[in-house]
Amino acid sequence: MKPTKRNYRATFILDNRGKEDSVDSIIEGVKKEITAVHGEVKAVENIGRRDFARIPDDQFPSGVYVQMDFSAPAGAAAQLHERLRLNDNVYRALVENA
């Protein structure tokens, strides 16, 4: 029996400071992380660079925002958070049920 998949919308803030990786290659890396937790990416929207309302670091006043819609099994959101916590290209991640 196939596990039931849920729909999610995730918002990521990407950090490419001092890295030669382009934003597109970082997005592809995040997609690979989603497929690693048995997810399927349906849509990607690159919102672009936005200034932070509260600047956590003077060297990092803005970040690249990306939204992704994907479907995955029920426990995949927690697994994805754990995998992205170890990824230094992703500054913040918010995963919500869609």
PDB file of N, CA and C in Angstrom:
ATOM      1  N   MET A   1       0.831  -1.174   0.000  1.00  0.00           N
ATOM      2  CA  MET A   1       0.000   0.000   0.000  1.00  0.00           C
ATOM      3  C   MET A   1       0.885   1.250   0.000  1.00  0.00           C
ATOM      4  N   LYS A   2       0.592   2.194  -0.886  1.00  0.00           N
ATOM      5  CA  LYS A   2       1.366   3.432  -0.976  1.00  0.00           C
ATOM      6  C   LYS A   2       1.016   4.363   0.179  1.00  0.00           C
ATOM      7  N   PRO A   3       2.021   5.034   0.766  1.00  0.00           N
ATOM      8  CA  PRO A   3       1.707   6.000   1.821  1.00  0.00           C
ATOM      9  C   PRO A   3       1.010   7.225   1.221  1.00  0.00           C
ATOM     10  N   THR A   4       0.128   7.805   1.984  1.00  0.00           N
ATOM     11  CA  THR A   4      -0.597   8.986   1.553  1.00  0.00           C
ATOM     12  C   THR A   4       0.340  10.192   1.564  1.00  0.00           C
ATOM     13  N   LYS A   5       0.271  10.981   0.517  1.00  0.00           N
ATOM     14  CA  LYS A   5       1.112  12.176   0.438  1.00  0.00           C
ATOM     15  C   LYS A   5       0.290  13.407   0.781  1.00  0.00           C
ATOM     16  N   ARG A   6       0.956  14.365   1.406  1.00  0.00           N
ATOM     17  CA  ARG A   6       0.347  15.644   1.747  1.00  0.00           C
ATOM     18  C   ARG A   6       0.977  16.731   0.897  1.00  0.00           C
ATOM     19  N   ASN A   7       0.248  17.809   0.709  1.00  0.00           N
ATOM     20  CA  ASN A   7       0.765  18.946  -0.038  1.00  0.00           C
ATOM     21  C   ASN A   7       1.351  19.963   0.937  1.00  0.00           C
ATOM     22  N   TYR A   8       2.523  20.486   0.577  1.00  0.00           N
ATOM     23  CA  TYR A   8       3.228  21.450   1.408  1.00  0.00           C
ATOM     24  C   TYR A   8       3.628  22.664   0.581  1.00  0.00           C
ATOM     25  N   ARG A   9       3.761  23.805   1.257  1.00  0.00           N
ATOM     26  CA  ARG A   9       4.370  24.992   0.671  1.00  0.00           C
ATOM     27  C   ARG A   9       5.503  25.388   1.601  1.00  0.00           C
ATOM     28  N   ALA A  10       6.689  25.494   1.026  1.00  0.00           N
ATOM     29  CA  ALA A  10       7.871  25.837   1.812  1.00  0.00           C
ATOM     30  C   ALA A  10       8.449  27.156   1.322  1.00  0.00           C
ATOM     31  N   THR A  11       8.882  27.973   2.262  1.00  0.00           N
ATOM     32  CA  THR A  11       9.566  29.220   1.949  1.00  0.00           C
ATOM     33  C   THR A  11      10.979  29.109   2.507  1.00  0.00           C
ATOM     34  N   PHE A  12      11.945  29.377   1.655  1.00  0.00           N
ATOM     35  CA  PHE A  12      13.352  29.285   2.031  1.00  0.00           C
ATOM     36  C   PHE A  12      14.017  30.642   1.857  1.00  0.00           C
ATOM     37  N   ILE A  13      14.933  30.954   2.777  1.00  0.00           N
ATOM     38  CA  ILE A  13      15.816  32.103   2.611  1.00  0.00           C
ATOM     39  C   ILE A  13      17.194  31.518   2.338  1.00  0.00           C
ATOM     40  N   LEU A  14      17.724  31.837   1.166  1.00  0.00           N
ATOM     41  CA  LEU A  14      19.012  31.277   0.747  1.00  0.00           C
ATOM     42  C   LEU A  14      20.137  32.236   1.083  1.00  0.00           C
ATOM     43  N   ASP A  15      21.282  31.654   1.431  1.00  0.00           N
ATOM     44  CA  ASP A  15      22.467  32.427   1.791  1.00  0.00           C
ATOM     45  C   ASP A  15      23.588  32.033   0.834  1.00  0.00           C
ATOM     46  N   ASN A  16      23.899  32.899  -0.127  1.00  0.00           N
ATOM     47  CA  ASN A  16      24.983  32.599  -1.057  1.00  0.00           C
ATOM     48  C   ASN A  16      26.150  33.569  -0.896  1.00  0.00           C
ATOM     49  N   ARG A  17      26.311  34.133   0.283  1.00  0.00           N
ATOM     50  CA  ARG A  17      27.422  35.044   0.551  1.00  0.00           C
ATOM     51  C   ARG A  17      28.742  34.298   0.472  1.00  0.00           C
ATOM     52  N   GLY A  18      29.678  34.835  -0.288  1.00  0.00           N
ATOM     53  CA  GLY A  18      31.018  34.275  -0.356  1.00  0.00           C
ATOM     54  C   GLY A  18      31.092  32.916  -1.028  1.00  0.00           C
ATOM     55  N   LYS A  19      30.057  32.526  -1.735  1.00  0.00           N
ATOM     56  CA  LYS A  19      30.044  31.228  -2.411  1.00  0.00           C
ATOM     57  C   LYS A  19      29.958  31.452  -3.910  1.00  0.00           C
ATOM     58  N   GLU A  20      30.530  30.558  -4.652  1.00  0.00           N
ATOM     59  CA  GLU A  20      30.484  30.678  -6.106  1.00  0.00           C
ATOM     60  C   GLU A  20      29.229  30.028  -6.684  1.00  0.00           C
ATOM     61  N   ASP A  21      28.445  29.368  -5.847  1.00  0.00           N
ATOM     62  CA  ASP A  21      27.208  28.745  -6.324  1.00  0.00           C
ATOM     63  C   ASP A  21      26.208  29.821  -6.705  1.00  0.00           C
ATOM     64  N   SER A  22      25.557  29.633  -7.847  1.00  0.00           N
ATOM     65  CA  SER A  22      24.498  30.558  -8.223  1.00  0.00           C
ATOM     66  C   SER A  22      23.229  30.184  -7.462  1.00  0.00           C
ATOM     67  N   VAL A  23      22.268  31.081  -7.479  1.00  0.00           N
ATOM     68  CA  VAL A  23      21.008  30.829  -6.791  1.00  0.00           C
ATOM     69  C   VAL A  23      20.308  29.616  -7.406  1.00  0.00           C
ATOM     70  N   ASP A  24      20.384  29.485  -8.733  1.00  0.00           N
ATOM     71  CA  ASP A  24      19.741  28.349  -9.398  1.00  0.00           C
ATOM     72  C   ASP A  24      20.338  27.017  -8.957  1.00  0.00           C
ATOM     73  N   SER A  25      21.647  26.955  -8.767  1.00  0.00           N
ATOM     74  CA  SER A  25      22.253  25.701  -8.322  1.00  0.00           C
ATOM     75  C   SER A  25      21.889  25.403  -6.863  1.00  0.00           C
ATOM     76  N   ILE A  26      21.722  26.426  -6.045  1.00  0.00           N
ATOM     77  CA  ILE A  26      21.293  26.213  -4.660  1.00  0.00           C
ATOM     78  C   ILE A  26      19.852  25.702  -4.646  1.00  0.00           C
ATOM     79  N   ILE A  27      19.002  26.259  -5.528  1.00  0.00           N
ATOM     80  CA  ILE A  27      17.617  25.795  -5.622  1.00  0.00           C
ATOM     81  C   ILE A  27      17.579  24.330  -6.046  1.00  0.00           C
ATOM     82  N   GLU A  28      18.431  23.942  -6.975  1.00  0.00           N
ATOM     83  CA  GLU A  28      18.495  22.536  -7.390  1.00  0.00           C
ATOM     84  C   GLU A  28      18.926  21.639  -6.227  1.00  0.00           C
ATOM     85  N   GLY A  29      19.832  22.138  -5.384  1.00  0.00           N
ATOM     86  CA  GLY A  29      20.243  21.384  -4.196  1.00  0.00           C
ATOM     87  C   GLY A  29      19.101  21.194  -3.218  1.00  0.00           C
ATOM     88  N   VAL A  30      18.276  22.230  -3.050  1.00  0.00           N
ATOM     89  CA  VAL A  30      17.118  22.129  -2.158  1.00  0.00           C
ATOM     90  C   VAL A  30      16.103  21.141  -2.739  1.00  0.00           C
ATOM     91  N   LYS A  31      15.932  21.156  -4.054  1.00  0.00           N
ATOM     92  CA  LYS A  31      15.032  20.184  -4.697  1.00  0.00           C
ATOM     93  C   LYS A  31      15.498  18.756  -4.437  1.00  0.00           C
ATOM     94  N   LYS A  32      16.812  18.544  -4.479  1.00  0.00           N
ATOM     95  CA  LYS A  32      17.360  17.206  -4.206  1.00  0.00           C
ATOM     96  C   LYS A  32      17.090  16.787  -2.769  1.00  0.00           C
ATOM     97  N   GLU A  33      17.142  17.752  -1.843  1.00  0.00           N
ATOM     98  CA  GLU A  33      16.828  17.445  -0.448  1.00  0.00           C
ATOM     99  C   GLU A  33      15.366  17.036  -0.301  1.00  0.00           C
ATOM    100  N   ILE A  34      14.473  17.686  -1.051  1.00  0.00           N
ATOM    101  CA  ILE A  34      13.054  17.329  -0.993  1.00  0.00           C
ATOM    102  C   ILE A  34      12.830  15.940  -1.564  1.00  0.00           C
ATOM    103  N   THR A  35      13.480  15.618  -2.670  1.00  0.00           N
ATOM    104  CA  THR A  35      13.319  14.271  -3.237  1.00  0.00           C
ATOM    105  C   THR A  35      13.962  13.214  -2.348  1.00  0.00           C
ATOM    106  N   ALA A  36      14.956  13.598  -1.548  1.00  0.00           N
ATOM    107  CA  ALA A  36      15.594  12.638  -0.638  1.00  0.00           C
ATOM    108  C   ALA A  36      14.648  12.194   0.475  1.00  0.00           C
ATOM    109  N   VAL A  37      13.644  13.029   0.801  1.00  0.00           N
ATOM    110  CA  VAL A  37      12.655  12.656   1.818  1.00  0.00           C
ATOM    111  C   VAL A  37      11.370  12.159   1.151  1.00  0.00           C
ATOM    112  N   HIS A  38      11.509  11.673  -0.090  1.00  0.00           N
ATOM    113  CA  HIS A  38      10.414  11.087  -0.882  1.00  0.00           C
ATOM    114  C   HIS A  38       9.358  12.109  -1.269  1.00  0.00           C
ATOM    115  N   GLY A  39       9.796  13.336  -1.505  1.00  0.00           N
ATOM    116  CA  GLY A  39       8.888  14.387  -1.933  1.00  0.00           C
ATOM    117  C   GLY A  39       8.957  14.603  -3.433  1.00  0.00           C
ATOM    118  N   GLU A  40       7.969  15.283  -3.957  1.00  0.00           N
ATOM    119  CA  GLU A  40       7.892  15.589  -5.379  1.00  0.00           C
ATOM    120  C   GLU A  40       7.600  17.081  -5.524  1.00  0.00           C
ATOM    121  N   VAL A  41       8.555  17.809  -6.109  1.00  0.00           N
ATOM    122  CA  VAL A  41       8.411  19.259  -6.274  1.00  0.00           C
ATOM    123  C   VAL A  41       7.441  19.533  -7.412  1.00  0.00           C
ATOM    124  N   LYS A  42       6.464  20.390  -7.137  1.00  0.00           N
ATOM    125  CA  LYS A  42       5.459  20.722  -8.146  1.00  0.00           C
ATOM    126  C   LYS A  42       5.673  22.103  -8.743  1.00  0.00           C
ATOM    127  N   ALA A  43       6.080  23.078  -7.943  1.00  0.00           N
ATOM    128  CA  ALA A  43       6.272  24.443  -8.434  1.00  0.00           C
ATOM    129  C   ALA A  43       7.370  25.130  -7.636  1.00  0.00           C
ATOM    130  N   VAL A  44       8.131  25.980  -8.329  1.00  0.00           N
ATOM    131  CA  VAL A  44       9.201  26.762  -7.700  1.00  0.00           C
ATOM    132  C   VAL A  44       9.021  28.213  -8.117  1.00  0.00           C
ATOM    133  N   GLU A  45       9.061  29.117  -7.138  1.00  0.00           N
ATOM    134  CA  GLU A  45       8.961  30.543  -7.427  1.00  0.00           C
ATOM    135  C   GLU A  45      10.106  31.265  -6.730  1.00  0.00           C
ATOM    136  N   ASN A  46      10.975  31.858  -7.523  1.00  0.00           N
ATOM    137  CA  ASN A  46      12.081  32.642  -6.988  1.00  0.00           C
ATOM    138  C   ASN A  46      11.555  34.063  -6.780  1.00  0.00           C
ATOM    139  N   ILE A  47      11.350  34.444  -5.541  1.00  0.00           N
ATOM    140  CA  ILE A  47      10.790  35.749  -5.210  1.00  0.00           C
ATOM    141  C   ILE A  47      11.841  36.846  -5.361  1.00  0.00           C
ATOM    142  N   GLY A  48      13.092  36.486  -5.159  1.00  0.00           N
ATOM    143  CA  GLY A  48      14.179  37.449  -5.314  1.00  0.00           C
ATOM    144  C   GLY A  48      14.755  37.882  -3.980  1.00  0.00           C
ATOM    145  N   ARG A  49      15.695  38.809  -4.056  1.00  0.00           N
ATOM    146  CA  ARG A  49      16.370  39.303  -2.852  1.00  0.00           C
ATOM    147  C   ARG A  49      15.480  40.324  -2.149  1.00  0.00           C
ATOM    148  N   ARG A  50      15.307  40.129  -0.846  1.00  0.00           N
ATOM    149  CA  ARG A  50      14.499  41.023  -0.011  1.00  0.00           C
ATOM    150  C   ARG A  50      15.295  41.416   1.229  1.00  0.00           C
ATOM    151  N   ASP A  51      15.097  42.646   1.666  1.00  0.00           N
ATOM    152  CA  ASP A  51      15.723  43.102   2.910  1.00  0.00           C
ATOM    153  C   ASP A  51      14.983  42.510   4.095  1.00  0.00           C
ATOM    154  N   PHE A  52      15.717  42.216   5.162  1.00  0.00           N
ATOM    155  CA  PHE A  52      15.115  41.698   6.381  1.00  0.00           C
ATOM    156  C   PHE A  52      14.516  42.845   7.189  1.00  0.00           C
ATOM    157  N   ALA A  53      13.414  42.583   7.873  1.00  0.00           N
ATOM    158  CA  ALA A  53      12.812  43.576   8.750  1.00  0.00           C
ATOM    159  C   ALA A  53      13.708  43.811   9.968  1.00  0.00           C
ATOM    160  N   ARG A  54      14.263  42.733  10.497  1.00  0.00           N
ATOM    161  CA  ARG A  54      15.231  42.812  11.597  1.00  0.00           C
ATOM    162  C   ARG A  54      16.515  42.176  11.099  1.00  0.00           C
ATOM    163  N   ILE A  55      17.576  42.926  11.088  1.00  0.00           N
ATOM    164  CA  ILE A  55      18.845  42.437  10.539  1.00  0.00           C
ATOM    165  C   ILE A  55      19.569  41.628  11.610  1.00  0.00           C
ATOM    166  N   PRO A  56      19.721  40.307  11.402  1.00  0.00           N
ATOM    167  CA  PRO A  56      20.388  39.474  12.408  1.00  0.00           C
ATOM    168  C   PRO A  56      21.903  39.660  12.422  1.00  0.00           C
ATOM    169  N   ASP A  57      22.462  40.073  11.291  1.00  0.00           N
ATOM    170  CA  ASP A  57      23.904  40.208  11.165  1.00  0.00           C
ATOM    171  C   ASP A  57      24.165  41.399  10.232  1.00  0.00           C
ATOM    172  N   ASP A  58      25.057  42.298  10.618  1.00  0.00           N
ATOM    173  CA  ASP A  58      25.340  43.460   9.780  1.00  0.00           C
ATOM    174  C   ASP A  58      25.888  43.061   8.413  1.00  0.00           C
ATOM    175  N   GLN A  59      26.519  41.903   8.339  1.00  0.00           N
ATOM    176  CA  GLN A  59      27.069  41.419   7.080  1.00  0.00           C
ATOM    177  C   GLN A  59      26.019  40.723   6.209  1.00  0.00           C
ATOM    178  N   PHE A  60      24.813  40.523   6.751  1.00  0.00           N
ATOM    179  CA  PHE A  60      23.764  39.789   6.034  1.00  0.00           C
ATOM    180  C   PHE A  60      22.435  40.531   6.166  1.00  0.00           C
ATOM    181  N   PRO A  61      22.272  41.671   5.461  1.00  0.00           N
ATOM    182  CA  PRO A  61      21.054  42.470   5.606  1.00  0.00           C
ATOM    183  C   PRO A  61      19.881  42.007   4.744  1.00  0.00           C
ATOM    184  N   SER A  62      20.135  41.103   3.794  1.00  0.00           N
ATOM    185  CA  SER A  62      19.061  40.636   2.919  1.00  0.00           C
ATOM    186  C   SER A  62      19.365  39.216   2.456  1.00  0.00           C
ATOM    187  N   GLY A  63      18.319  38.540   1.968  1.00  0.00           N
ATOM    188  CA  GLY A  63      18.482  37.173   1.490  1.00  0.00           C
ATOM    189  C   GLY A  63      17.583  36.914   0.291  1.00  0.00           C
ATOM    190  N   VAL A  64      17.857  35.828  -0.411  1.00  0.00           N
ATOM    191  CA  VAL A  64      17.062  35.430  -1.568  1.00  0.00           C
ATOM    192  C   VAL A  64      15.943  34.520  -1.086  1.00  0.00           C
ATOM    193  N   TYR A  65      14.702  34.913  -1.365  1.00  0.00           N
ATOM    194  CA  TYR A  65      13.531  34.145  -0.952  1.00  0.00           C
ATOM    195  C   TYR A  65      13.058  33.257  -2.093  1.00  0.00           C
ATOM    196  N   VAL A  66      12.733  32.006  -1.771  1.00  0.00           N
ATOM    197  CA  VAL A  66      12.232  31.044  -2.752  1.00  0.00           C
ATOM    198  C   VAL A  66      11.068  30.294  -2.122  1.00  0.00           C
ATOM    199  N   GLN A  67       9.974  30.131  -2.882  1.00  0.00           N
ATOM    200  CA  GLN A  67       8.846  29.316  -2.428  1.00  0.00           C
ATOM    201  C   GLN A  67       8.747  28.077  -3.304  1.00  0.00           C
ATOM    202  N   MET A  68       8.475  26.947  -2.663  1.00  0.00           N
ATOM    203  CA  MET A  68       8.306  25.694  -3.387  1.00  0.00           C
ATOM    204  C   MET A  68       7.038  25.002  -2.912  1.00  0.00           C
ATOM    205  N   ASP A  69       6.270  24.497  -3.858  1.00  0.00           N
ATOM    206  CA  ASP A  69       5.120  23.647  -3.559  1.00  0.00           C
ATOM    207  C   ASP A  69       5.541  22.222  -3.857  1.00  0.00           C
ATOM    208  N   PHE A  70       5.287  21.327  -2.900  1.00  0.00           N
ATOM    209  CA  PHE A  70       5.655  19.926  -3.117  1.00  0.00           C
ATOM    210  C   PHE A  70       4.707  19.026  -2.347  1.00  0.00           C
ATOM    211  N   SER A  71       4.699  17.761  -2.742  1.00  0.00           N
ATOM    212  CA  SER A  71       3.930  16.760  -2.012  1.00  0.00           C
ATOM    213  C   SER A  71       4.917  15.739  -1.460  1.00  0.00           C
ATOM    214  N   ALA A  72       4.612  15.240  -0.263  1.00  0.00           N
ATOM    215  CA  ALA A  72       5.504  14.308   0.419  1.00  0.00           C
ATOM    216  C   ALA A  72       4.713  13.555   1.482  1.00  0.00           C
ATOM    217  N   PRO A  73       5.255  12.443   1.977  1.00  0.00           N
ATOM    218  CA  PRO A  73       4.594  11.729   3.080  1.00  0.00           C
ATOM    219  C   PRO A  73       4.503  12.595   4.333  1.00  0.00           C
ATOM    220  N   ALA A  74       3.688  12.169   5.268  1.00  0.00           N
ATOM    221  CA  ALA A  74       3.360  12.976   6.448  1.00  0.00           C
ATOM    222  C   ALA A  74       4.582  13.382   7.275  1.00  0.00           C
ATOM    223  N   GLY A  75       5.548  12.535   7.467  1.00  0.00           N
ATOM    224  CA  GLY A  75       6.695  12.863   8.308  1.00  0.00           C
ATOM    225  C   GLY A  75       7.813  13.582   7.589  1.00  0.00           C
ATOM    226  N   ALA A  76       7.613  13.909   6.336  1.00  0.00           N
ATOM    227  CA  ALA A  76       8.689  14.478   5.533  1.00  0.00           C
ATOM    228  C   ALA A  76       9.056  15.898   5.942  1.00  0.00           C
ATOM    229  N   ALA A  77       8.123  16.666   6.479  1.00  0.00           N
ATOM    230  CA  ALA A  77       8.426  18.053   6.854  1.00  0.00           C
ATOM    231  C   ALA A  77       9.495  18.099   7.942  1.00  0.00           C
ATOM    232  N   ALA A  78       9.382  17.251   8.936  1.00  0.00           N
ATOM    233  CA  ALA A  78      10.380  17.215  10.012  1.00  0.00           C
ATOM    234  C   ALA A  78      11.724  16.721   9.489  1.00  0.00           C
ATOM    235  N   GLN A  79      11.695  15.724   8.617  1.00  0.00           N
ATOM    236  CA  GLN A  79      12.936  15.217   8.027  1.00  0.00           C
ATOM    237  C   GLN A  79      13.612  16.279   7.171  1.00  0.00           C
ATOM    238  N   LEU A  80      12.803  17.031   6.426  1.00  0.00           N
ATOM    239  CA  LEU A  80      13.357  18.080   5.572  1.00  0.00           C
ATOM    240  C   LEU A  80      13.993  19.185   6.417  1.00  0.00           C
ATOM    241  N   HIS A  81      13.347  19.585   7.505  1.00  0.00           N
ATOM    242  CA  HIS A  81      13.930  20.595   8.398  1.00  0.00           C
ATOM    243  C   HIS A  81      15.279  20.131   8.920  1.00  0.00           C
ATOM    244  N   GLU A  82      15.372  18.879   9.298  1.00  0.00           N
ATOM    245  CA  GLU A  82      16.636  18.356   9.835  1.00  0.00           C
ATOM    246  C   GLU A  82      17.725  18.338   8.770  1.00  0.00           C
ATOM    247  N   ARG A  83      17.382  17.947   7.563  1.00  0.00           N
ATOM    248  CA  ARG A  83      18.371  17.921   6.477  1.00  0.00           C
ATOM    249  C   ARG A  83      18.822  19.335   6.108  1.00  0.00           C
ATOM    250  N   LEU A  84      17.897  20.282   6.084  1.00  0.00           N
ATOM    251  CA  LEU A  84      18.250  21.649   5.708  1.00  0.00           C
ATOM    252  C   LEU A  84      18.978  22.391   6.828  1.00  0.00           C
ATOM    253  N   ARG A  85      18.801  21.949   8.050  1.00  0.00           N
ATOM    254  CA  ARG A  85      19.537  22.549   9.167  1.00  0.00           C
ATOM    255  C   ARG A  85      21.033  22.352   8.969  1.00  0.00           C
ATOM    256  N   LEU A  86      21.405  21.256   8.343  1.00  0.00           N
ATOM    257  CA  LEU A  86      22.810  20.945   8.098  1.00  0.00           C
ATOM    258  C   LEU A  86      23.348  21.590   6.821  1.00  0.00           C
ATOM    259  N   ASN A  87      22.475  22.174   6.015  1.00  0.00           N
ATOM    260  CA  ASN A  87      22.849  22.784   4.745  1.00  0.00           C
ATOM    261  C   ASN A  87      23.138  24.266   4.985  1.00  0.00           C
ATOM    262  N   ASP A  88      24.378  24.694   4.741  1.00  0.00           N
ATOM    263  CA  ASP A  88      24.723  26.088   5.023  1.00  0.00           C
ATOM    264  C   ASP A  88      24.270  27.061   3.938  1.00  0.00           C
ATOM    265  N   ASN A  89      23.715  26.563   2.847  1.00  0.00           N
ATOM    266  CA  ASN A  89      23.170  27.438   1.806  1.00  0.00           C
ATOM    267  C   ASN A  89      21.756  27.915   2.131  1.00  0.00           C
ATOM    268  N   VAL A  90      21.087  27.241   3.054  1.00  0.00           N
ATOM    269  CA  VAL A  90      19.726  27.607   3.440  1.00  0.00           C
ATOM    270  C   VAL A  90      19.790  28.273   4.812  1.00  0.00           C
ATOM    271  N   TYR A  91      19.451  29.569   4.829  1.00  0.00           N
ATOM    272  CA  TYR A  91      19.515  30.331   6.073  1.00  0.00           C
ATOM    273  C   TYR A  91      18.316  30.034   6.969  1.00  0.00           C
ATOM    274  N   ARG A  92      17.108  30.039   6.397  1.00  0.00           N
ATOM    275  CA  ARG A  92      15.884  29.729   7.114  1.00  0.00           C
ATOM    276  C   ARG A  92      14.969  28.927   6.207  1.00  0.00           C
ATOM    277  N   ALA A  93      14.114  28.105   6.844  1.00  0.00           N
ATOM    278  CA  ALA A  93      13.118  27.316   6.108  1.00  0.00           C
ATOM    279  C   ALA A  93      11.824  27.285   6.910  1.00  0.00           C
ATOM    280  N   LEU A  94      10.715  27.470   6.200  1.00  0.00           N
ATOM    281  CA  LEU A  94       9.387  27.394   6.788  1.00  0.00           C
ATOM    282  C   LEU A  94       8.563  26.469   5.909  1.00  0.00           C
ATOM    283  N   VAL A  95       8.089  25.355   6.486  1.00  0.00           N
ATOM    284  CA  VAL A  95       7.287  24.390   5.743  1.00  0.00           C
ATOM    285  C   VAL A  95       5.894  24.385   6.330  1.00  0.00           C
ATOM    286  N   GLU A  96       4.880  24.615   5.480  1.00  0.00           N
ATOM    287  CA  GLU A  96       3.487  24.671   5.914  1.00  0.00           C
ATOM    288  C   GLU A  96       2.652  23.693   5.099  1.00  0.00           C
ATOM    289  N   ASN A  97       1.574  23.218   5.702  1.00  0.00           N
ATOM    290  CA  ASN A  97       0.608  22.416   4.945  1.00  0.00           C
ATOM    291  C   ASN A  97      -0.096  23.333   3.953  1.00  0.00           C
ATOM    292  N   ALA A  98      -0.237  22.859   2.733  1.00  0.00           N
ATOM    293  CA  ALA A  98      -0.898  23.702   1.713  1.00  0.00           C
ATOM    294  C   ALA A  98      -2.368  23.371   1.621  1.00  0.00           C
TER     295      ALA A  98
END
